[in-house]
Amino acid sequence: MASCGVGNAQTRHILCFMFVAGFIFIFMVRVNLNLTIVGMVKPITNLNGTQELLDRGNSSTNTSEYNENIQGEFEWNEFQQGLILGSFFYGYMTSQIPGGRISEIYGMKPVFGLSVLLNGLLAICIPFCARIHWILLFIIRILQGLAQGVTFPALSASVAKWVPINERARFLALTAQGCSVGPVIALPLCGWILTTWGWPAVFYITGSMAVAFYGLWQYFVYNTPQEHPRISPEEKKYLEDNLQESHTNELVPFPWKEAMTSAQFWLGAAAHVGSDWGFHTFYTYGPKYIKDALQFDISQSAILSSLPFLCQYISATLVGILADKLVMNYNVSIRHVRKVSVFFSHCMPGMLVIVLTLIGDYVNLSVVVLTLAVTMLGFLSTGHYQNPIDIAPNFAGSLTGVANSLGSLGGILCTTIAGTSLQNYGSPKGWHVTFYVAASVYAATSIPFIIWAESKELPWNNPTKENVELKIMAREENDVDAETKLLDKTQHNS
């Protein structure tokens, strides 16, 4: 990131690192079930009574060693597994909007920190609940989603207060891609723990790591530069001078009418639905596809499932640096950066999943194509993810919450469709249906953004001077009349 002349260990860089670490631990406890479930469930047979397998062409790997060493404990069918894997998104969708507003009011520190802590504690409870009934596991995953739903709104709220506009692409690319590093670490780790100590240990270990992180977050992170006790005067002044002028630290009412009738917001929200649909298709069902459809054993599946997310992290980091340089050094417009990024993050994976349906017998090539598709998701952080910050930085947390809430519908629907398709059609037809639907959603949600998105600040981002003055008066003088005037004016404008 750009230097302000005060050394390398600047507080916003530490904040970036803490967000990366936080997302790693959050996604470790989020992804652990996606792989571990293949070791929790007994092999499923199709209507003819034989285990469903896909012809693997010239590959010689078999799953007999895995099946002999790890015996599934539960008899959950594909539909039940789909419900369990998708249950996370019911909670995740619910907490997005309040999470954004709470982050704007109380700050991102308590919101993000408690999310990590609660997710770790709930992960530790999974083995106990799963052995009682799968419905309890379903509920635990909903609660984990409820706790995690606030994380991206909290990140967006912090960016507007901590990161100058010329550093935001890199900051978001680095922090948000902790979501990729989480699976990169978690999938091989979970595979090793599963084969060494059994599936319950996966949840005990990853959950405990998330709980331990909470203490570090509390010490190193603060809501704003003004609150941070260890920030240097030079960096504090640098941030005050370079943060976007349209951002205000005053708490102002969220302009629901203007936001919900904004075409620019809905273009970004639609793109968010598409990206979440595709991401969660890869993220939730990728390990299962590699294990069941391509028939790799559990150790190979763990490594191969993590490879695409490692490539995504690398691509996101490079794309973030490139985007900042194009904007600052070559006068490329932010609008063009956003549009090109959405093309690569949506259209390219959509085409590649269609290719997957055509090369199913070529296992190694299928892994390469799957990896390329996920690698393209590295463009997400320089595309529509920044739309709320572009159009209304004062309300970035709330807008991200709304967009993420809608995007969570993609997580619910894609896992439900995948589970139902696999239950009804088996392999490979069930996988083909899953990939065709994902490609269609990618196209439908990205093309409008590419054509019409403007990626510029909208007028309703700025509160009127009169509103701000009334708010300050009410706060400083405890002026009931001023508060009443502000409320009346807000209701009138709505």
Protein backbone atom coordinates (compact mmCIF):
# COMPACT_ATOMS: atom_id res chain seq x y z
CA MET A 1 0.00 0.00 0.00
CA ALA A 2 1.00 3.58 -0.38
CA SER A 3 3.37 4.83 2.23
CA CYS A 4 2.83 7.93 4.31
CA GLY A 5 6.41 8.12 5.40
CA VAL A 6 6.06 6.66 8.87
CA GLY A 7 7.59 3.24 8.49
CA ASN A 8 6.24 -0.12 7.43
CA ALA A 9 4.17 -1.29 10.44
CA GLN A 10 1.34 1.20 9.98
CA THR A 11 -1.90 0.61 11.81
CA ARG A 12 -4.02 0.25 8.68
CA HIS A 13 -1.61 -2.44 7.47
CA ILE A 14 -2.04 -4.25 10.79
CA LEU A 15 -5.80 -3.87 10.37
CA CYS A 16 -5.49 -5.45 6.92
CA PHE A 17 -3.54 -8.39 8.36
CA MET A 18 -6.07 -8.88 11.16
CA PHE A 19 -8.95 -8.94 8.68
CA VAL A 20 -7.08 -11.51 6.58
CA ALA A 21 -6.48 -13.67 9.66
CA GLY A 22 -10.07 -13.22 10.81
CA PHE A 23 -11.50 -14.31 7.48
CA ILE A 24 -9.13 -17.28 7.42
CA PHE A 25 -10.44 -18.54 10.76
CA ILE A 26 -14.05 -17.73 9.90
CA PHE A 27 -13.83 -19.64 6.64
CA MET A 28 -12.01 -22.51 8.27
CA VAL A 29 -15.00 -23.13 10.54
CA ARG A 30 -17.32 -22.48 7.62
CA VAL A 31 -15.69 -24.88 5.15
CA ASN A 32 -14.77 -27.69 7.56
CA LEU A 33 -18.16 -29.39 7.14
CA ASN A 34 -17.99 -29.26 3.33
CA LEU A 35 -15.15 -31.79 3.29
CA THR A 36 -15.76 -33.57 6.59
CA ILE A 37 -19.32 -34.54 5.66
CA VAL A 38 -17.94 -37.08 3.16
CA GLY A 39 -16.35 -38.86 6.14
CA MET A 40 -19.41 -38.47 8.37
CA VAL A 41 -21.94 -40.07 6.00
CA LYS A 42 -22.12 -43.71 4.94
CA PRO A 43 -21.77 -44.34 1.17
CA ILE A 44 -25.01 -43.62 -0.67
CA THR A 45 -26.44 -46.12 -3.13
CA ASN A 46 -28.60 -45.31 -6.11
CA LEU A 47 -31.92 -46.92 -7.05
CA ASN A 48 -30.14 -49.98 -8.45
CA GLY A 49 -28.36 -50.55 -5.15
CA THR A 50 -24.88 -49.72 -6.37
CA GLN A 51 -22.69 -46.83 -5.28
CA GLU A 52 -22.88 -43.89 -7.70
CA LEU A 53 -19.63 -43.42 -9.59
CA LEU A 54 -18.55 -41.51 -12.64
CA ASP A 55 -16.32 -43.17 -15.20
CA ARG A 56 -12.91 -41.70 -14.59
CA GLY A 57 -11.37 -42.45 -17.97
CA ASN A 58 -7.65 -42.98 -17.70
CA SER A 59 -7.36 -42.22 -13.97
CA SER A 60 -6.28 -45.14 -11.81
CA THR A 61 -7.05 -43.73 -8.36
CA ASN A 62 -9.68 -45.57 -6.36
CA THR A 63 -11.47 -44.94 -3.09
CA SER A 64 -11.19 -48.38 -1.55
CA GLU A 65 -8.46 -47.35 0.90
CA TYR A 66 -10.52 -44.40 2.08
CA ASN A 67 -13.68 -46.51 2.44
CA GLU A 68 -11.83 -49.16 4.45
CA ASN A 69 -10.21 -46.71 6.86
CA ILE A 70 -13.06 -44.24 7.40
CA GLN A 71 -16.56 -45.58 7.89
CA GLY A 72 -19.37 -43.06 7.76
CA GLU A 73 -21.45 -42.73 10.91
CA PHE A 74 -24.68 -41.22 9.58
CA GLU A 75 -27.27 -42.32 7.02
CA TRP A 76 -28.17 -38.95 5.49
CA ASN A 77 -29.40 -38.94 1.91
CA GLU A 78 -28.31 -36.40 -0.70
CA PHE A 79 -31.31 -34.15 -0.05
CA GLN A 80 -30.61 -34.06 3.70
CA GLN A 81 -26.94 -33.35 3.04
CA GLY A 82 -27.97 -30.51 0.73
CA LEU A 83 -30.16 -29.05 3.47
CA ILE A 84 -27.33 -29.29 6.00
CA LEU A 85 -24.79 -27.70 3.66
CA GLY A 86 -27.23 -24.95 2.69
CA SER A 87 -28.56 -24.24 6.20
CA PHE A 88 -25.68 -21.86 6.88
CA PHE A 89 -27.12 -19.38 4.40
CA TYR A 90 -30.49 -19.07 6.15
CA GLY A 91 -28.74 -17.41 9.07
CA TYR A 92 -26.17 -15.67 6.88
CA MET A 93 -28.91 -13.94 4.90
CA THR A 94 -30.80 -12.81 8.01
CA SER A 95 -28.00 -10.87 9.74
CA GLN A 96 -26.54 -9.02 6.75
CA ILE A 97 -28.65 -5.86 6.85
CA PRO A 98 -28.66 -5.35 10.64
CA GLY A 99 -24.96 -6.26 10.67
CA GLY A 100 -24.16 -3.41 8.30
CA ARG A 101 -26.10 -0.83 10.27
CA ILE A 102 -24.77 -2.06 13.63
CA SER A 103 -21.22 -1.75 12.24
CA GLU A 104 -21.92 1.85 11.20
CA ILE A 105 -23.36 2.69 14.63
CA TYR A 106 -21.11 0.76 17.05
CA GLY A 107 -18.07 0.15 14.86
CA MET A 108 -16.70 -2.94 13.18
CA LYS A 109 -14.45 -4.06 16.06
CA PRO A 110 -17.10 -5.67 18.31
CA VAL A 111 -19.18 -6.85 15.35
CA PHE A 112 -16.42 -8.71 13.49
CA GLY A 113 -14.70 -9.94 16.65
CA LEU A 114 -17.80 -11.49 18.19
CA SER A 115 -18.60 -13.13 14.86
CA VAL A 116 -15.31 -15.04 14.92
CA LEU A 117 -15.72 -15.97 18.59
CA LEU A 118 -19.28 -17.29 18.23
CA ASN A 119 -18.42 -19.26 15.10
CA GLY A 120 -15.58 -20.99 16.91
CA LEU A 121 -17.75 -21.90 19.90
CA LEU A 122 -20.54 -23.22 17.69
CA ALA A 123 -18.09 -25.34 15.67
CA ILE A 124 -16.99 -27.06 18.86
CA CYS A 125 -20.64 -28.01 19.50
CA ILE A 126 -21.15 -29.70 16.10
CA PRO A 127 -20.10 -33.30 16.97
CA PHE A 128 -22.38 -33.42 20.00
CA CYS A 129 -25.36 -32.02 18.07
CA ALA A 130 -24.84 -34.15 14.95
CA ARG A 131 -24.93 -37.35 16.99
CA ILE A 132 -28.27 -36.41 18.52
CA HIS A 133 -30.06 -35.56 15.26
CA TRP A 134 -29.20 -34.00 11.93
CA ILE A 135 -31.78 -31.28 12.59
CA LEU A 136 -29.62 -30.02 15.47
CA LEU A 137 -26.65 -29.80 13.11
CA PHE A 138 -28.94 -27.92 10.71
CA ILE A 139 -29.73 -25.43 13.50
CA ILE A 140 -26.07 -25.02 14.52
CA ARG A 141 -25.16 -24.16 10.95
CA ILE A 142 -27.96 -21.59 10.80
CA LEU A 143 -26.56 -19.99 13.95
CA GLN A 144 -23.06 -19.97 12.46
CA GLY A 145 -24.45 -18.23 9.38
CA LEU A 146 -26.28 -15.74 11.59
CA ALA A 147 -23.00 -14.88 13.34
CA GLN A 148 -21.00 -14.73 10.09
CA GLY A 149 -23.45 -12.59 8.18
CA VAL A 150 -22.11 -9.41 9.76
CA THR A 151 -18.49 -9.85 8.63
CA PHE A 152 -18.50 -8.35 5.13
CA PRO A 153 -20.69 -5.39 6.13
CA ALA A 154 -18.23 -4.76 8.97
CA LEU A 155 -15.34 -4.86 6.49
CA SER A 156 -17.05 -2.37 4.17
CA ALA A 157 -17.81 -0.03 7.08
CA SER A 158 -14.15 -0.11 8.16
CA VAL A 159 -12.77 0.59 4.67
CA ALA A 160 -14.60 3.92 4.45
CA LYS A 161 -13.01 5.00 7.76
CA TRP A 162 -9.53 3.51 7.44
CA VAL A 163 -8.45 3.20 3.79
CA PRO A 164 -7.73 6.02 1.29
CA ILE A 165 -9.46 5.53 -2.04
CA ASN A 166 -6.19 4.84 -3.93
CA GLU A 167 -5.47 1.87 -1.61
CA ARG A 168 -8.90 0.29 -1.47
CA ALA A 169 -8.59 -2.20 -4.32
CA ARG A 170 -5.50 -3.76 -2.75
CA PHE A 171 -6.93 -3.60 0.77
CA LEU A 172 -10.16 -5.35 -0.23
CA ALA A 173 -8.32 -7.85 -2.41
CA LEU A 174 -6.04 -8.81 0.47
CA THR A 175 -8.63 -8.84 3.25
CA ALA A 176 -11.55 -10.45 1.47
CA GLN A 177 -9.31 -13.12 -0.02
CA GLY A 178 -8.69 -14.44 3.44
CA CYS A 179 -11.88 -16.23 2.43
CA SER A 180 -9.76 -18.12 -0.10
CA VAL A 181 -6.85 -18.78 2.23
CA GLY A 182 -9.25 -20.25 4.79
CA PRO A 183 -10.21 -23.16 2.51
CA VAL A 184 -6.60 -23.49 1.30
CA ILE A 185 -5.51 -24.13 4.88
CA ALA A 186 -8.67 -25.82 6.15
CA LEU A 187 -9.25 -28.45 3.48
CA PRO A 188 -5.84 -30.20 3.68
CA LEU A 189 -5.81 -29.70 7.47
CA CYS A 190 -9.31 -31.15 7.84
CA GLY A 191 -8.41 -34.05 5.56
CA TRP A 192 -5.37 -34.87 7.68
CA ILE A 193 -7.25 -34.52 10.97
CA LEU A 194 -10.12 -36.62 9.61
CA THR A 195 -7.86 -39.51 8.60
CA THR A 196 -5.75 -39.24 11.77
CA TRP A 197 -8.16 -38.56 14.64
CA GLY A 198 -11.62 -38.81 13.12
CA TRP A 199 -14.22 -36.27 12.03
CA PRO A 200 -15.12 -34.82 15.49
CA ALA A 201 -11.56 -33.57 15.95
CA VAL A 202 -11.94 -31.42 12.82
CA PHE A 203 -14.53 -29.25 14.55
CA TYR A 204 -12.79 -29.19 17.94
CA ILE A 205 -9.47 -28.01 16.48
CA THR A 206 -10.72 -25.45 13.93
CA GLY A 207 -13.25 -24.07 16.42
CA SER A 208 -10.60 -23.63 19.12
CA MET A 209 -8.33 -21.76 16.70
CA ALA A 210 -11.12 -19.27 15.95
CA VAL A 211 -11.77 -18.72 19.66
CA ALA A 212 -8.08 -18.03 20.29
CA PHE A 213 -7.99 -15.42 17.52
CA TYR A 214 -10.61 -13.30 19.30
CA GLY A 215 -8.08 -12.17 21.94
CA LEU A 216 -5.67 -10.90 19.28
CA TRP A 217 -8.45 -9.03 17.51
CA GLN A 218 -9.45 -7.25 20.71
CA TYR A 219 -5.90 -6.02 21.30
CA PHE A 220 -4.87 -4.90 17.81
CA VAL A 221 -8.04 -3.50 16.22
CA TYR A 222 -9.93 -0.23 16.73
CA ASN A 223 -12.97 1.21 14.98
CA THR A 224 -11.37 4.42 13.66
CA PRO A 225 -7.93 6.07 13.48
CA GLN A 226 -9.15 8.59 16.06
CA GLU A 227 -9.78 5.80 18.59
CA HIS A 228 -6.49 3.96 18.06
CA PRO A 229 -4.07 4.60 20.97
CA ARG A 230 -0.95 3.50 19.09
CA ILE A 231 -1.37 5.18 15.70
CA SER A 232 1.40 7.64 14.84
CA PRO A 233 0.52 11.33 14.39
CA GLU A 234 1.93 11.18 10.85
CA GLU A 235 -0.28 8.29 9.76
CA LYS A 236 -3.32 9.78 11.47
CA LYS A 237 -2.84 13.03 9.56
CA TYR A 238 -2.22 11.10 6.32
CA LEU A 239 -5.53 9.29 6.72
CA GLU A 240 -7.42 12.46 7.62
CA ASP A 241 -6.03 14.18 4.53
CA ASN A 242 -6.61 11.30 2.10
CA LEU A 243 -9.84 9.64 3.13
CA GLN A 244 -12.66 10.31 0.72
CA GLU A 245 -14.23 13.68 1.45
CA SER A 246 -17.72 12.30 0.97
CA HIS A 247 -17.36 10.12 4.06
CA THR A 248 -18.58 11.55 7.35
CA ASN A 249 -18.11 10.25 10.88
CA GLU A 250 -21.49 11.68 11.85
CA LEU A 251 -24.25 9.12 12.29
CA VAL A 252 -26.96 9.87 9.74
CA PRO A 253 -30.19 7.99 8.96
CA PHE A 254 -29.95 5.39 6.24
CA PRO A 255 -31.73 6.69 3.09
CA TRP A 256 -33.87 3.62 2.46
CA LYS A 257 -36.05 5.17 -0.24
CA GLU A 258 -33.13 6.50 -2.29
CA ALA A 259 -31.06 3.34 -1.90
CA MET A 260 -33.85 0.89 -2.68
CA THR A 261 -34.88 2.82 -5.80
CA SER A 262 -31.31 3.23 -7.07
CA ALA A 263 -30.67 1.38 -10.32
CA GLN A 264 -26.91 1.53 -9.67
CA PHE A 265 -27.33 -0.24 -6.35
CA TRP A 266 -29.50 -2.98 -7.87
CA LEU A 267 -27.04 -3.60 -10.69
CA GLY A 268 -24.37 -4.32 -8.08
CA ALA A 269 -26.77 -6.35 -5.93
CA ALA A 270 -27.74 -8.53 -8.89
CA ALA A 271 -24.07 -9.14 -9.68
CA HIS A 272 -23.63 -10.06 -6.02
CA VAL A 273 -26.36 -12.71 -6.28
CA GLY A 274 -24.62 -14.21 -9.29
CA SER A 275 -21.17 -14.24 -7.73
CA ASP A 276 -22.47 -15.79 -4.52
CA TRP A 277 -24.34 -18.46 -6.47
CA GLY A 278 -21.22 -19.46 -8.37
CA PHE A 279 -18.85 -19.08 -5.43
CA HIS A 280 -20.95 -21.28 -3.16
CA THR A 281 -21.43 -23.87 -5.88
CA PHE A 282 -17.64 -24.23 -6.02
CA TYR A 283 -17.09 -23.68 -2.33
CA THR A 284 -19.82 -25.93 -0.91
CA TYR A 285 -19.94 -28.68 -3.51
CA GLY A 286 -16.40 -28.53 -4.91
CA PRO A 287 -14.95 -31.02 -2.39
CA LYS A 288 -17.92 -33.34 -2.92
CA TYR A 289 -17.55 -33.12 -6.71
CA ILE A 290 -13.87 -34.01 -6.53
CA LYS A 291 -14.48 -36.83 -4.05
CA ASP A 292 -17.68 -38.38 -5.41
CA ALA A 293 -17.83 -37.50 -9.11
CA LEU A 294 -14.12 -37.59 -9.92
CA GLN A 295 -13.54 -40.33 -7.30
CA PHE A 296 -10.38 -39.11 -5.63
CA ASP A 297 -9.73 -40.44 -2.14
CA ILE A 298 -10.12 -38.21 0.92
CA SER A 299 -6.48 -37.10 1.11
CA GLN A 300 -6.31 -36.26 -2.58
CA SER A 301 -9.71 -34.54 -2.42
CA ALA A 302 -8.54 -32.33 0.43
CA ILE A 303 -5.48 -31.14 -1.48
CA LEU A 304 -7.21 -30.77 -4.84
CA SER A 305 -10.14 -28.93 -3.24
CA SER A 306 -7.79 -26.36 -1.72
CA LEU A 307 -5.80 -25.74 -4.92
CA PRO A 308 -8.46 -23.60 -6.67
CA PHE A 309 -8.77 -21.31 -3.66
CA LEU A 310 -5.01 -20.87 -3.45
CA CYS A 311 -5.04 -19.80 -7.09
CA GLN A 312 -7.96 -17.47 -6.36
CA TYR A 313 -6.03 -15.77 -3.58
CA ILE A 314 -2.97 -15.29 -5.78
CA SER A 315 -5.06 -13.90 -8.63
CA ALA A 316 -6.99 -11.56 -6.31
CA THR A 317 -3.78 -10.15 -4.88
CA LEU A 318 -2.27 -9.52 -8.31
CA VAL A 319 -5.52 -8.12 -9.71
CA GLY A 320 -5.89 -5.74 -6.76
CA ILE A 321 -2.39 -4.34 -7.29
CA LEU A 322 -2.96 -4.06 -11.03
CA ALA A 323 -6.31 -2.29 -10.58
CA ASP A 324 -4.82 0.36 -8.28
CA LYS A 325 -1.95 0.99 -10.70
CA LEU A 326 -4.29 1.30 -13.68
CA VAL A 327 -6.43 3.85 -11.86
CA MET A 328 -3.60 5.90 -10.32
CA ASN A 329 -0.86 5.70 -12.95
CA TYR A 330 -2.63 5.17 -16.26
CA ASN A 331 -5.87 7.12 -15.70
CA VAL A 332 -8.09 4.11 -16.34
CA SER A 333 -11.54 4.90 -14.99
CA ILE A 334 -12.91 3.03 -11.99
CA ARG A 335 -16.00 2.28 -14.08
CA HIS A 336 -13.96 0.38 -16.66
CA VAL A 337 -12.05 -1.52 -13.97
CA ARG A 338 -15.34 -2.63 -12.40
CA LYS A 339 -16.87 -3.75 -15.71
CA VAL A 340 -13.83 -5.71 -16.87
CA SER A 341 -13.53 -7.32 -13.43
CA VAL A 342 -17.16 -8.45 -13.51
CA PHE A 343 -16.63 -9.98 -16.96
CA PHE A 344 -13.76 -12.09 -15.64
CA SER A 345 -15.41 -12.91 -12.29
CA HIS A 346 -18.77 -13.96 -13.79
CA CYS A 347 -18.66 -14.68 -17.51
CA MET A 348 -15.42 -16.66 -17.50
CA PRO A 349 -16.41 -19.08 -14.68
CA GLY A 350 -19.83 -19.44 -16.35
CA MET A 351 -18.20 -20.61 -19.58
CA LEU A 352 -15.76 -22.88 -17.76
CA VAL A 353 -18.45 -24.77 -15.82
CA ILE A 354 -20.12 -25.53 -19.16
CA VAL A 355 -16.79 -26.97 -20.27
CA LEU A 356 -16.83 -29.17 -17.14
CA THR A 357 -20.02 -30.84 -18.34
CA LEU A 358 -18.32 -31.78 -21.62
CA ILE A 359 -15.08 -33.31 -20.28
CA GLY A 360 -16.31 -35.37 -17.33
CA ASP A 361 -14.41 -38.49 -18.40
CA TYR A 362 -11.10 -36.60 -18.40
CA VAL A 363 -10.50 -36.33 -14.68
CA ASN A 364 -7.21 -34.44 -14.64
CA LEU A 365 -8.49 -31.94 -17.20
CA SER A 366 -11.64 -31.49 -15.10
CA VAL A 367 -9.51 -30.51 -12.11
CA VAL A 368 -7.61 -27.98 -14.25
CA VAL A 369 -10.82 -26.42 -15.58
CA LEU A 370 -12.37 -26.27 -12.09
CA THR A 371 -9.21 -24.58 -10.80
CA LEU A 372 -9.28 -22.01 -13.61
CA ALA A 373 -12.94 -21.24 -12.91
CA VAL A 374 -12.27 -20.54 -9.24
CA THR A 375 -9.12 -18.58 -10.11
CA MET A 376 -11.30 -16.14 -12.05
CA LEU A 377 -13.11 -15.33 -8.79
CA GLY A 378 -10.02 -13.33 -7.85
CA PHE A 379 -11.57 -10.49 -9.87
CA LEU A 380 -14.49 -10.22 -7.42
CA SER A 381 -12.71 -7.81 -5.08
CA THR A 382 -12.05 -5.26 -7.85
CA GLY A 383 -15.50 -5.62 -9.39
CA HIS A 384 -18.98 -5.35 -7.93
CA TYR A 385 -17.75 -5.95 -4.35
CA GLN A 386 -16.68 -2.30 -4.34
CA ASN A 387 -19.97 -1.00 -5.70
CA PRO A 388 -21.38 0.06 -2.27
CA ILE A 389 -18.17 1.96 -1.49
CA ASP A 390 -18.20 3.57 -4.95
CA ILE A 391 -21.78 4.81 -4.87
CA ALA A 392 -22.29 5.63 -1.16
CA PRO A 393 -19.29 5.27 1.18
CA ASN A 394 -21.27 6.70 4.12
CA PHE A 395 -23.63 3.73 3.92
CA ALA A 396 -21.25 1.09 2.58
CA GLY A 397 -21.86 -1.24 5.52
CA SER A 398 -25.64 -1.18 5.15
CA LEU A 399 -25.56 -1.47 1.37
CA THR A 400 -23.15 -4.39 1.57
CA GLY A 401 -25.48 -5.99 4.09
CA VAL A 402 -28.44 -5.72 1.73
CA ALA A 403 -26.42 -7.04 -1.23
CA ASN A 404 -24.95 -9.88 0.81
CA SER A 405 -28.39 -10.76 2.15
CA LEU A 406 -29.69 -11.09 -1.39
CA GLY A 407 -26.54 -12.95 -2.39
CA SER A 408 -27.19 -15.46 0.38
CA LEU A 409 -30.31 -16.50 -1.50
CA GLY A 410 -27.88 -17.76 -4.11
CA GLY A 411 -26.18 -19.89 -1.47
CA ILE A 412 -29.50 -21.34 -0.34
CA LEU A 413 -30.82 -22.00 -3.84
CA CYS A 414 -27.62 -23.39 -5.34
CA THR A 415 -27.15 -25.93 -2.53
CA THR A 416 -30.83 -26.89 -2.63
CA ILE A 417 -30.76 -27.36 -6.41
CA ALA A 418 -27.51 -29.31 -6.26
CA GLY A 419 -28.78 -31.60 -3.49
CA THR A 420 -32.11 -32.17 -5.24
CA SER A 421 -30.45 -32.78 -8.63
CA LEU A 422 -28.00 -35.30 -7.20
CA GLN A 423 -30.79 -37.01 -5.25
CA ASN A 424 -33.05 -37.30 -8.32
CA TYR A 425 -30.58 -37.79 -11.17
CA GLY A 426 -27.40 -39.09 -9.56
CA SER A 427 -24.01 -38.58 -11.19
CA PRO A 428 -23.14 -37.23 -13.73
CA LYS A 429 -26.53 -35.77 -14.77
CA GLY A 430 -27.08 -34.15 -11.37
CA TRP A 431 -23.75 -32.35 -11.66
CA HIS A 432 -24.58 -31.20 -15.19
CA VAL A 433 -27.85 -29.63 -14.00
CA THR A 434 -25.97 -27.89 -11.18
CA PHE A 435 -23.37 -26.44 -13.54
CA TYR A 436 -25.87 -25.38 -16.24
CA VAL A 437 -27.92 -23.47 -13.69
CA ALA A 438 -24.79 -21.77 -12.28
CA ALA A 439 -23.72 -20.67 -15.77
CA SER A 440 -27.17 -19.24 -16.50
CA VAL A 441 -27.24 -17.26 -13.26
CA TYR A 442 -23.74 -15.93 -13.92
CA ALA A 443 -24.82 -14.58 -17.32
CA ALA A 444 -28.14 -13.12 -16.18
CA THR A 445 -26.63 -11.18 -13.27
CA SER A 446 -23.41 -9.90 -14.86
CA ILE A 447 -24.42 -8.64 -18.29
CA PRO A 448 -26.63 -5.78 -16.96
CA PHE A 449 -23.78 -4.59 -14.70
CA ILE A 450 -21.30 -4.67 -17.58
CA ILE A 451 -23.64 -2.60 -19.76
CA TRP A 452 -25.09 -0.02 -17.34
CA ALA A 453 -22.99 0.28 -14.15
CA GLU A 454 -21.47 3.74 -13.54
CA SER A 455 -19.50 3.15 -10.30
CA LYS A 456 -19.64 6.76 -9.13
CA GLU A 457 -20.86 8.46 -5.97
CA LEU A 458 -24.59 9.15 -5.88
CA PRO A 459 -26.15 12.35 -4.50
CA TRP A 460 -27.95 10.67 -1.61
CA ASN A 461 -24.63 9.61 -0.08
CA ASN A 462 -24.14 13.12 1.34
CA PRO A 463 -26.33 14.16 4.28
CA THR A 464 -27.50 17.76 4.12
CA LYS A 465 -25.60 20.32 6.13
CA GLU A 466 -28.77 21.11 8.07
CA ASN A 467 -29.18 17.48 9.13
CA VAL A 468 -25.59 17.21 10.32
CA GLU A 469 -25.82 20.47 12.28
CA LEU A 470 -29.05 19.37 13.97
CA LYS A 471 -27.45 16.03 14.87
CA ILE A 472 -24.38 17.71 16.37
CA MET A 473 -26.59 20.14 18.31
CA ALA A 474 -28.70 17.32 19.70
CA ARG A 475 -25.64 15.31 20.70
CA GLU A 476 -23.67 18.15 22.31
CA GLU A 477 -26.53 20.02 24.02
CA ASN A 478 -28.96 17.14 24.57
CA ASP A 479 -31.43 19.31 22.65
CA VAL A 480 -34.72 17.42 22.45
CA ASP A 481 -36.14 19.94 19.99
CA ALA A 482 -33.18 19.41 17.65
CA GLU A 483 -33.63 15.66 17.79
CA THR A 484 -37.34 16.09 17.03
CA LYS A 485 -36.58 18.36 14.07
CA LEU A 486 -34.09 15.85 12.70
CA LEU A 487 -36.56 12.98 13.06
CA ASP A 488 -39.33 14.99 11.39
CA LYS A 489 -37.04 15.99 8.52
CA THR A 490 -35.85 12.40 8.03
CA GLN A 491 -39.41 11.07 7.94
CA HIS A 492 -40.40 13.82 5.49
CA ASN A 493 -37.52 12.97 3.16
CA SER A 494 -38.38 9.27 3.27
